[in-house]
Amino acid sequence: MTAHHVYVCRQADGKPLYVGCSSDLFTRLETHRRASFWAPLVVRVTATVHADRLTARAAEHVAIRDLRPRFNVMGRWAQHIYWTQADYQDYLQALLARPNTGWKRTHIQRVHDAATAARLLDGRAA
């Protein structure tokens, strides 16, 4: 069995941005730093160690459920139909703050209809 970490990335006001699970914590955090659009918002990361992947995944699930981090798929943004206008604006502001990478273009086109995606990618207001 390999130890696994459950980590919580937090923004300046202490609110959780993302909860994750990994057997190689530092490599995973470096990957987030390079690839996650929300990474520039992270000011603190806390982690707990678990004996194996199964217990770590269970702890991660509980943390996501209880903390409702902004950027977890299973967190606050999980079900778009329940978004408030503030949730939608928060999502777009965070996403659009990153450079226009191929990932961002694909994600915006997947989540939005073609006309909305075109406006967002061109930098016009939705």
C-alpha atoms as a PDB file:
ATOM      1  CA  MET A   1       0.000   0.000   0.000  1.00  0.00           C
ATOM      2  CA  THR A   2       1.137   3.499  -0.838  1.00  0.00           C
ATOM      3  CA  ALA A   3       0.267   6.514   1.290  1.00  0.00           C
ATOM      4  CA  HIS A   4      -2.037   9.039  -0.365  1.00  0.00           C
ATOM      5  CA  HIS A   5      -2.626  12.696   0.398  1.00  0.00           C
ATOM      6  CA  VAL A   6      -5.860  14.635   0.407  1.00  0.00           C
ATOM      7  CA  TYR A   7      -5.106  18.297  -0.157  1.00  0.00           C
ATOM      8  CA  VAL A   8      -7.103  21.503   0.008  1.00  0.00           C
ATOM      9  CA  CYS A   9      -6.018  24.524  -2.036  1.00  0.00           C
ATOM     10  CA  ARG A  10      -7.291  27.768  -0.506  1.00  0.00           C
ATOM     11  CA  GLN A  11      -7.536  31.351  -1.664  1.00  0.00           C
ATOM     12  CA  ALA A  12      -6.445  34.410   0.352  1.00  0.00           C
ATOM     13  CA  ASP A  13      -9.646  34.616   2.404  1.00  0.00           C
ATOM     14  CA  GLY A  14      -9.316  30.940   3.378  1.00  0.00           C
ATOM     15  CA  LYS A  15     -12.151  29.670   1.203  1.00  0.00           C
ATOM     16  CA  PRO A  16     -11.436  26.354  -0.519  1.00  0.00           C
ATOM     17  CA  LEU A  17     -10.727  26.453  -4.233  1.00  0.00           C
ATOM     18  CA  TYR A  18     -10.002  22.796  -4.911  1.00  0.00           C
ATOM     19  CA  VAL A  19      -9.776  19.478  -3.069  1.00  0.00           C
ATOM     20  CA  GLY A  20      -7.736  16.648  -4.530  1.00  0.00           C
ATOM     21  CA  CYS A  21      -6.134  13.295  -3.819  1.00  0.00           C
ATOM     22  CA  SER A  22      -2.712  12.058  -4.909  1.00  0.00           C
ATOM     23  CA  SER A  23       0.016   9.599  -4.019  1.00  0.00           C
ATOM     24  CA  ASP A  24       2.614  12.149  -5.185  1.00  0.00           C
ATOM     25  CA  LEU A  25       1.501  15.417  -3.647  1.00  0.00           C
ATOM     26  CA  PHE A  26       4.268  17.704  -4.878  1.00  0.00           C
ATOM     27  CA  THR A  27       4.097  16.505  -8.482  1.00  0.00           C
ATOM     28  CA  ARG A  28       0.322  16.916  -8.479  1.00  0.00           C
ATOM     29  CA  LEU A  29       0.542  20.440  -7.082  1.00  0.00           C
ATOM     30  CA  GLU A  30       3.141  21.334  -9.697  1.00  0.00           C
ATOM     31  CA  THR A  31       0.790  20.035 -12.391  1.00  0.00           C
ATOM     32  CA  HIS A  32      -1.983  22.248 -11.014  1.00  0.00           C
ATOM     33  CA  ARG A  33       0.410  25.219 -10.960  1.00  0.00           C
ATOM     34  CA  ARG A  34       1.179  24.757 -14.655  1.00  0.00           C
ATOM     35  CA  ALA A  35      -2.207  23.662 -15.985  1.00  0.00           C
ATOM     36  CA  SER A  36      -5.101  24.695 -13.740  1.00  0.00           C
ATOM     37  CA  PHE A  37      -6.754  27.994 -14.566  1.00  0.00           C
ATOM     38  CA  TRP A  38      -7.471  28.601 -10.879  1.00  0.00           C
ATOM     39  CA  ALA A  39      -3.861  28.052  -9.707  1.00  0.00           C
ATOM     40  CA  PRO A  40      -2.927  31.763  -9.470  1.00  0.00           C
ATOM     41  CA  LEU A  41      -5.615  32.176  -6.790  1.00  0.00           C
ATOM     42  CA  VAL A  42      -4.045  29.602  -4.443  1.00  0.00           C
ATOM     43  CA  VAL A  43      -2.203  31.037  -1.441  1.00  0.00           C
ATOM     44  CA  ARG A  44      -2.197  28.027   0.885  1.00  0.00           C
ATOM     45  CA  VAL A  45      -2.366  24.251   0.602  1.00  0.00           C
ATOM     46  CA  THR A  46      -3.049  21.896   3.479  1.00  0.00           C
ATOM     47  CA  ALA A  47      -2.811  18.117   3.238  1.00  0.00           C
ATOM     48  CA  THR A  48      -3.595  15.029   5.264  1.00  0.00           C
ATOM     49  CA  VAL A  49      -1.928  11.652   4.811  1.00  0.00           C
ATOM     50  CA  HIS A  50      -3.947   8.447   4.467  1.00  0.00           C
ATOM     51  CA  ALA A  51      -2.734   4.858   4.545  1.00  0.00           C
ATOM     52  CA  ASP A  52      -4.086   3.916   1.123  1.00  0.00           C
ATOM     53  CA  ARG A  53      -5.934   5.174  -1.914  1.00  0.00           C
ATOM     54  CA  LEU A  54      -9.331   3.895  -0.801  1.00  0.00           C
ATOM     55  CA  THR A  55      -9.362   5.779   2.503  1.00  0.00           C
ATOM     56  CA  ALA A  56      -7.911   8.882   0.849  1.00  0.00           C
ATOM     57  CA  ARG A  57     -10.605   8.879  -1.848  1.00  0.00           C
ATOM     58  CA  ALA A  58     -13.296   8.529   0.822  1.00  0.00           C
ATOM     59  CA  ALA A  59     -11.791  11.464   2.746  1.00  0.00           C
ATOM     60  CA  GLU A  60     -11.576  13.498  -0.480  1.00  0.00           C
ATOM     61  CA  HIS A  61     -15.246  12.841  -1.228  1.00  0.00           C
ATOM     62  CA  VAL A  62     -16.266  13.976   2.264  1.00  0.00           C
ATOM     63  CA  ALA A  63     -14.095  17.100   2.001  1.00  0.00           C
ATOM     64  CA  ILE A  64     -15.590  18.027  -1.382  1.00  0.00           C
ATOM     65  CA  ARG A  65     -19.102  17.464  -0.071  1.00  0.00           C
ATOM     66  CA  ASP A  66     -18.526  19.482   3.103  1.00  0.00           C
ATOM     67  CA  LEU A  67     -16.276  22.270   1.807  1.00  0.00           C
ATOM     68  CA  ARG A  68     -17.909  22.762  -1.620  1.00  0.00           C
ATOM     69  CA  PRO A  69     -14.728  24.096  -3.246  1.00  0.00           C
ATOM     70  CA  ARG A  70     -15.175  26.507  -6.152  1.00  0.00           C
ATOM     71  CA  PHE A  71     -13.361  24.539  -8.815  1.00  0.00           C
ATOM     72  CA  ASN A  72     -14.067  20.868  -8.133  1.00  0.00           C
ATOM     73  CA  VAL A  73     -16.296  19.162 -10.657  1.00  0.00           C
ATOM     74  CA  MET A  74     -18.122  17.546  -7.736  1.00  0.00           C
ATOM     75  CA  GLY A  75     -18.133  20.829  -5.793  1.00  0.00           C
ATOM     76  CA  ARG A  76     -20.067  24.029  -6.297  1.00  0.00           C
ATOM     77  CA  TRP A  77     -19.922  23.939 -10.082  1.00  0.00           C
ATOM     78  CA  ALA A  78     -21.012  20.329 -10.435  1.00  0.00           C
ATOM     79  CA  GLN A  79     -24.527  20.900 -11.677  1.00  0.00           C
ATOM     80  CA  HIS A  80     -24.881  23.939 -13.893  1.00  0.00           C
ATOM     81  CA  ILE A  81     -28.672  23.979 -13.612  1.00  0.00           C
ATOM     82  CA  TYR A  82     -28.352  25.010  -9.940  1.00  0.00           C
ATOM     83  CA  TRP A  83     -25.958  27.899 -10.559  1.00  0.00           C
ATOM     84  CA  THR A  84     -26.940  31.336  -9.435  1.00  0.00           C
ATOM     85  CA  GLN A  85     -25.985  34.314 -11.582  1.00  0.00           C
ATOM     86  CA  ALA A  86     -23.112  34.955  -9.137  1.00  0.00           C
ATOM     87  CA  ASP A  87     -21.852  31.356  -9.578  1.00  0.00           C
ATOM     88  CA  TYR A  88     -21.917  31.732 -13.349  1.00  0.00           C
ATOM     89  CA  GLN A  89     -20.062  35.063 -13.243  1.00  0.00           C
ATOM     90  CA  ASP A  90     -17.511  33.641 -10.799  1.00  0.00           C
ATOM     91  CA  TYR A  91     -16.861  30.706 -13.108  1.00  0.00           C
ATOM     92  CA  LEU A  92     -16.437  32.850 -16.211  1.00  0.00           C
ATOM     93  CA  GLN A  93     -14.201  35.410 -14.504  1.00  0.00           C
ATOM     94  CA  ALA A  94     -11.879  32.710 -13.197  1.00  0.00           C
ATOM     95  CA  LEU A  95     -11.801  30.865 -16.498  1.00  0.00           C
ATOM     96  CA  LEU A  96     -11.286  33.934 -18.647  1.00  0.00           C
ATOM     97  CA  ALA A  97      -8.514  35.309 -16.413  1.00  0.00           C
ATOM     98  CA  ARG A  98      -6.163  32.660 -17.813  1.00  0.00           C
ATOM     99  CA  PRO A  99      -4.472  32.970 -21.213  1.00  0.00           C
ATOM    100  CA  ASN A 100      -6.490  31.629 -24.119  1.00  0.00           C
ATOM    101  CA  THR A 101      -5.046  28.136 -24.204  1.00  0.00           C
ATOM    102  CA  GLY A 102      -6.381  25.264 -26.257  1.00  0.00           C
ATOM    103  CA  TRP A 103      -7.808  23.739 -23.083  1.00  0.00           C
ATOM    104  CA  LYS A 104      -9.801  26.885 -22.318  1.00  0.00           C
ATOM    105  CA  ARG A 105     -11.192  27.082 -25.858  1.00  0.00           C
ATOM    106  CA  THR A 106     -12.274  23.426 -25.773  1.00  0.00           C
ATOM    107  CA  HIS A 107     -13.833  23.763 -22.323  1.00  0.00           C
ATOM    108  CA  ILE A 108     -15.789  26.916 -23.176  1.00  0.00           C
ATOM    109  CA  GLN A 109     -17.065  25.348 -26.380  1.00  0.00           C
ATOM    110  CA  ARG A 110     -18.116  22.201 -24.510  1.00  0.00           C
ATOM    111  CA  VAL A 111     -19.965  24.054 -21.735  1.00  0.00           C
ATOM    112  CA  HIS A 112     -21.610  26.768 -23.828  1.00  0.00           C
ATOM    113  CA  ASP A 113     -23.511  27.058 -27.072  1.00  0.00           C
ATOM    114  CA  ALA A 114     -21.558  28.219 -30.128  1.00  0.00           C
ATOM    115  CA  ALA A 115     -22.675  31.875 -30.011  1.00  0.00           C
ATOM    116  CA  THR A 116     -21.854  32.274 -26.305  1.00  0.00           C
ATOM    117  CA  ALA A 117     -18.518  30.507 -26.738  1.00  0.00           C
ATOM    118  CA  ALA A 118     -17.582  32.820 -29.615  1.00  0.00           C
ATOM    119  CA  ARG A 119     -18.409  35.920 -27.548  1.00  0.00           C
ATOM    120  CA  LEU A 120     -16.414  34.653 -24.558  1.00  0.00           C
ATOM    121  CA  LEU A 121     -13.389  33.703 -26.610  1.00  0.00           C
ATOM    122  CA  ASP A 122     -13.422  37.049 -28.382  1.00  0.00           C
ATOM    123  CA  GLY A 123     -13.442  38.827 -25.009  1.00  0.00           C
ATOM    124  CA  ARG A 124     -16.899  40.312 -25.346  1.00  0.00           C
ATOM    125  CA  ALA A 125     -19.336  40.238 -22.446  1.00  0.00           C
ATOM    126  CA  ALA A 126     -21.787  37.356 -22.330  1.00  0.00           C
END
